[in-house]
Each structure stands twice: as C-alpha cells, then as structure tokens.
C-alpha cells in the first residue's frame, strides 16, 4: 500500500511497531524489535530508494569463493577467480 507522503509512511511504520512490539507471539515480538532497531535505515530507503544490495551480493560471492578456495597457494589465481566470477553482467 503506497503512501502519499513520507510522513504517512513513517507514521504507519511506527504504528505497526507499536501494535506488534507487545504481541503474545514471541516471533512477532522479535520481528517488531528488529524493525524498531532498523527503523531509521528503513525510512531512508523509502526517502532515497538506494540500497547496497549489489555490493552485498558481490561480498557474499567473494566469501563463497574464499571458502571454496581454501588452500590456494597462489594468491594471483585467487584474484583471477574473483574477477571472473564477479565481473559485471552485460
């Protein structure tokens, strides 16, 4: 449900947190606490529409390569593997 202004979106998010922070269900309380902790960054996303998803994906890919490459003796081959697997899509 899109909001007409940033303020109405912030109010709706705060209302959701307030409604669910004291839920009888532990999982819902946990989600509400997490959202409350990340409330400002969540609101910034809706203001600026910018995320770091691409860099997070690349970082995760490098970590997977690093796990698979455990024991590589040649660091240059490790660097080449990262460049090959993380090259930008055309």
N, C-alpha and C. Protein backbone atom coordinates (compact mmCIF):
# COMPACT_ATOMS: atom_id res chain seq x y z
N UNK A 1 0.84 -1.16 0.00
CA UNK A 1 0.00 0.00 0.00
C UNK A 1 0.89 1.23 0.00
N UNK A 2 0.93 1.95 -1.12
CA UNK A 2 1.79 3.13 -1.22
C UNK A 2 1.24 4.29 -0.38
N UNK A 3 2.16 5.06 0.16
CA UNK A 3 1.77 6.20 0.97
C UNK A 3 1.99 7.47 0.17
N UNK A 4 1.12 8.45 0.39
CA UNK A 4 1.20 9.69 -0.39
C UNK A 4 2.39 10.55 0.03
N UNK A 5 2.75 10.50 1.30
CA UNK A 5 3.88 11.30 1.76
C UNK A 5 4.80 10.44 2.61
N UNK A 6 6.00 10.94 2.79
CA UNK A 6 6.97 10.24 3.63
C UNK A 6 6.47 10.17 5.07
N UNK A 7 5.83 11.24 5.52
CA UNK A 7 5.34 11.29 6.90
C UNK A 7 4.28 10.22 7.17
N UNK A 8 3.38 10.01 6.20
CA UNK A 8 2.36 8.97 6.43
C UNK A 8 2.99 7.59 6.46
N UNK A 9 4.03 7.39 5.67
CA UNK A 9 4.74 6.10 5.71
C UNK A 9 5.44 5.90 7.04
N UNK A 10 6.09 6.95 7.55
CA UNK A 10 6.76 6.86 8.85
C UNK A 10 5.75 6.60 9.96
N UNK A 11 4.60 7.27 9.88
CA UNK A 11 3.56 7.05 10.90
C UNK A 11 3.04 5.62 10.85
N UNK A 12 2.85 5.09 9.64
CA UNK A 12 2.35 3.72 9.50
C UNK A 12 3.36 2.72 10.05
N UNK A 13 4.64 2.95 9.77
CA UNK A 13 5.67 2.05 10.29
C UNK A 13 5.71 2.10 11.82
N UNK A 14 5.64 3.29 12.39
CA UNK A 14 5.65 3.43 13.84
C UNK A 14 4.43 2.76 14.46
N UNK A 15 3.27 2.92 13.82
CA UNK A 15 2.05 2.28 14.32
C UNK A 15 2.18 0.76 14.29
N UNK A 16 2.77 0.24 13.21
CA UNK A 16 2.94 -1.22 13.11
C UNK A 16 3.85 -1.71 14.23
N UNK A 17 4.94 -1.00 14.46
CA UNK A 17 5.87 -1.38 15.53
C UNK A 17 5.16 -1.35 16.88
N UNK A 18 4.43 -0.26 17.15
CA UNK A 18 3.71 -0.13 18.42
C UNK A 18 2.68 -1.24 18.60
N UNK A 19 1.99 -1.60 17.51
CA UNK A 19 0.95 -2.64 17.59
C UNK A 19 1.52 -4.03 17.84
N UNK A 20 2.74 -4.27 17.37
CA UNK A 20 3.28 -5.63 17.42
C UNK A 20 4.41 -5.84 18.43
N UNK A 21 4.88 -4.76 19.04
CA UNK A 21 6.00 -4.87 19.97
C UNK A 21 5.65 -5.70 21.21
N UNK A 22 4.39 -5.70 21.59
CA UNK A 22 3.97 -6.44 22.78
C UNK A 22 3.01 -7.57 22.41
N UNK A 23 3.23 -8.15 21.25
CA UNK A 23 2.41 -9.27 20.78
C UNK A 23 2.61 -10.48 21.69
N UNK A 24 1.58 -11.31 21.84
CA UNK A 24 1.74 -12.53 22.64
C UNK A 24 2.62 -13.58 21.95
N UNK A 25 2.85 -13.41 20.66
CA UNK A 25 3.67 -14.35 19.91
C UNK A 25 5.13 -13.91 19.92
N UNK A 26 6.03 -14.74 20.46
CA UNK A 26 7.43 -14.35 20.56
C UNK A 26 8.08 -14.01 19.21
N UNK A 27 7.73 -14.73 18.17
CA UNK A 27 8.34 -14.47 16.86
C UNK A 27 7.94 -13.08 16.34
N UNK A 28 6.71 -12.69 16.55
CA UNK A 28 6.24 -11.38 16.10
C UNK A 28 6.92 -10.28 16.91
N UNK A 29 7.08 -10.49 18.21
CA UNK A 29 7.79 -9.52 19.05
C UNK A 29 9.23 -9.35 18.56
N UNK A 30 9.87 -10.45 18.22
CA UNK A 30 11.24 -10.41 17.75
C UNK A 30 11.35 -9.61 16.44
N UNK A 31 10.42 -9.84 15.53
CA UNK A 31 10.41 -9.09 14.27
C UNK A 31 10.19 -7.61 14.53
N UNK A 32 9.27 -7.29 15.41
CA UNK A 32 8.98 -5.88 15.72
C UNK A 32 10.20 -5.20 16.35
N UNK A 33 10.91 -5.92 17.22
CA UNK A 33 12.13 -5.35 17.83
C UNK A 33 13.19 -5.08 16.77
N UNK A 34 13.36 -6.02 15.86
CA UNK A 34 14.35 -5.86 14.79
C UNK A 34 13.99 -4.67 13.91
N UNK A 35 12.73 -4.56 13.54
CA UNK A 35 12.30 -3.44 12.70
C UNK A 35 12.48 -2.12 13.45
N UNK A 36 12.20 -2.12 14.75
CA UNK A 36 12.38 -0.90 15.54
C UNK A 36 13.86 -0.49 15.57
N UNK A 37 14.76 -1.47 15.67
CA UNK A 37 16.19 -1.16 15.67
C UNK A 37 16.65 -0.60 14.32
N UNK A 38 16.04 -1.04 13.25
CA UNK A 38 16.43 -0.63 11.90
C UNK A 38 15.45 0.39 11.31
N UNK A 39 14.66 1.02 12.14
CA UNK A 39 13.61 1.92 11.66
C UNK A 39 14.16 3.07 10.82
N UNK A 40 15.21 3.71 11.27
CA UNK A 40 15.77 4.85 10.52
C UNK A 40 16.29 4.44 9.14
N UNK A 41 17.11 3.38 9.04
CA UNK A 41 17.54 2.96 7.69
C UNK A 41 16.39 2.53 6.79
N UNK A 42 15.37 1.92 7.36
CA UNK A 42 14.19 1.53 6.57
C UNK A 42 13.53 2.78 6.01
N UNK A 43 13.36 3.79 6.84
CA UNK A 43 12.74 5.03 6.39
C UNK A 43 13.60 5.74 5.34
N UNK A 44 14.92 5.65 5.48
CA UNK A 44 15.80 6.28 4.50
C UNK A 44 15.66 5.61 3.13
N UNK A 45 15.45 4.31 3.11
CA UNK A 45 15.27 3.63 1.83
C UNK A 45 14.06 4.22 1.11
N UNK A 46 12.97 4.42 1.82
CA UNK A 46 11.78 4.93 1.17
C UNK A 46 11.92 6.41 0.79
N UNK A 47 12.85 7.11 1.39
CA UNK A 47 13.10 8.51 1.02
C UNK A 47 13.99 8.60 -0.21
N UNK A 48 15.05 7.78 -0.26
CA UNK A 48 16.06 7.93 -1.30
C UNK A 48 16.10 6.79 -2.31
N UNK A 49 15.47 5.65 -2.02
CA UNK A 49 15.43 4.49 -2.92
C UNK A 49 16.81 3.99 -3.32
N UNK A 50 17.73 3.97 -2.37
CA UNK A 50 19.09 3.50 -2.63
C UNK A 50 19.39 2.38 -1.63
N UNK A 51 19.96 1.28 -2.12
CA UNK A 51 20.38 0.20 -1.24
C UNK A 51 21.81 -0.20 -1.58
N UNK A 52 22.37 -1.04 -0.74
CA UNK A 52 23.71 -1.56 -1.00
C UNK A 52 23.61 -3.04 -1.40
N UNK A 53 22.51 -3.43 -2.01
CA UNK A 53 22.27 -4.84 -2.34
C UNK A 53 23.32 -5.40 -3.30
N UNK A 54 23.72 -4.63 -4.31
CA UNK A 54 24.69 -5.15 -5.27
C UNK A 54 26.04 -5.45 -4.61
N UNK A 55 26.50 -4.53 -3.79
CA UNK A 55 27.80 -4.76 -3.14
C UNK A 55 27.71 -5.90 -2.12
N UNK A 56 26.57 -6.02 -1.45
CA UNK A 56 26.38 -7.14 -0.52
C UNK A 56 26.41 -8.47 -1.27
N UNK A 57 25.78 -8.51 -2.45
CA UNK A 57 25.81 -9.73 -3.26
C UNK A 57 27.22 -10.10 -3.70
N UNK A 58 27.97 -9.09 -4.12
CA UNK A 58 29.36 -9.32 -4.53
C UNK A 58 30.19 -9.80 -3.34
N UNK A 59 29.98 -9.17 -2.20
CA UNK A 59 30.71 -9.56 -0.98
C UNK A 59 30.42 -11.02 -0.63
N UNK A 60 29.16 -11.41 -0.72
CA UNK A 60 28.78 -12.79 -0.43
C UNK A 60 29.44 -13.75 -1.43
N UNK A 61 29.48 -13.37 -2.70
CA UNK A 61 30.09 -14.21 -3.72
C UNK A 61 31.59 -14.41 -3.43
N UNK A 62 32.27 -13.33 -3.03
CA UNK A 62 33.70 -13.42 -2.71
C UNK A 62 33.91 -14.34 -1.52
N UNK A 63 33.03 -14.27 -0.52
CA UNK A 63 33.16 -15.16 0.65
C UNK A 63 32.99 -16.62 0.25
N UNK A 64 32.07 -16.90 -0.67
CA UNK A 64 31.88 -18.28 -1.14
C UNK A 64 33.12 -18.75 -1.88
N UNK A 65 33.67 -17.90 -2.75
CA UNK A 65 34.90 -18.26 -3.47
C UNK A 65 36.02 -18.52 -2.49
N UNK A 66 36.12 -17.69 -1.48
CA UNK A 66 37.17 -17.84 -0.46
C UNK A 66 37.04 -19.18 0.27
N UNK A 67 35.81 -19.58 0.59
CA UNK A 67 35.61 -20.88 1.26
C UNK A 67 36.00 -22.03 0.34
N UNK A 68 35.59 -21.93 -0.93
CA UNK A 68 35.92 -22.99 -1.88
C UNK A 68 37.40 -23.04 -2.17
N UNK A 69 38.07 -21.90 -2.07
CA UNK A 69 39.47 -21.82 -2.45
C UNK A 69 40.41 -22.06 -1.29
N UNK A 70 39.91 -22.57 -0.19
CA UNK A 70 40.77 -22.80 0.97
C UNK A 70 41.95 -23.67 0.56
N UNK A 71 43.15 -23.19 0.82
CA UNK A 71 44.34 -23.95 0.49
C UNK A 71 45.03 -23.50 -0.78
N UNK A 72 44.44 -22.51 -1.49
CA UNK A 72 45.15 -21.99 -2.67
C UNK A 72 46.52 -21.49 -2.24
N UNK A 73 47.50 -21.84 -3.03
CA UNK A 73 48.86 -21.38 -2.72
C UNK A 73 49.20 -20.12 -3.50
N UNK A 74 48.53 -19.91 -4.61
CA UNK A 74 48.84 -18.78 -5.47
C UNK A 74 47.73 -17.73 -5.33
N UNK A 75 48.06 -16.62 -4.70
CA UNK A 75 47.08 -15.57 -4.47
C UNK A 75 46.62 -14.94 -5.78
N UNK A 76 47.46 -14.96 -6.80
CA UNK A 76 47.07 -14.37 -8.09
C UNK A 76 45.92 -15.16 -8.72
N UNK A 77 45.96 -16.48 -8.60
CA UNK A 77 44.87 -17.30 -9.14
C UNK A 77 43.57 -17.05 -8.38
N UNK A 78 43.68 -16.80 -7.10
CA UNK A 78 42.52 -16.46 -6.27
C UNK A 78 41.92 -15.14 -6.75
N UNK A 79 42.76 -14.15 -7.01
CA UNK A 79 42.29 -12.85 -7.51
C UNK A 79 41.62 -13.00 -8.88
N UNK A 80 42.20 -13.82 -9.74
CA UNK A 80 41.63 -14.05 -11.08
C UNK A 80 40.26 -14.70 -10.96
N UNK A 81 40.13 -15.67 -10.06
CA UNK A 81 38.85 -16.34 -9.86
C UNK A 81 37.78 -15.34 -9.41
N UNK A 82 38.15 -14.43 -8.51
CA UNK A 82 37.20 -13.42 -8.04
C UNK A 82 36.79 -12.51 -9.20
N UNK A 83 37.77 -12.07 -10.00
CA UNK A 83 37.45 -11.20 -11.14
C UNK A 83 36.55 -11.91 -12.15
N UNK A 84 36.81 -13.18 -12.38
CA UNK A 84 35.99 -13.93 -13.34
C UNK A 84 34.55 -14.08 -12.86
N UNK A 85 34.37 -14.43 -11.61
CA UNK A 85 33.04 -14.71 -11.10
C UNK A 85 32.27 -13.46 -10.71
N UNK A 86 32.96 -12.35 -10.49
CA UNK A 86 32.29 -11.13 -10.06
C UNK A 86 32.25 -10.06 -11.14
N UNK A 87 32.55 -10.43 -12.37
CA UNK A 87 32.54 -9.41 -13.42
C UNK A 87 31.10 -8.94 -13.64
N UNK A 88 30.94 -7.67 -14.00
CA UNK A 88 29.59 -7.13 -14.17
C UNK A 88 28.88 -7.76 -15.35
N UNK A 89 27.57 -7.94 -15.21
CA UNK A 89 26.78 -8.50 -16.30
C UNK A 89 26.61 -7.46 -17.40
N UNK A 90 26.61 -7.93 -18.62
CA UNK A 90 26.49 -7.00 -19.76
C UNK A 90 25.06 -6.92 -20.19
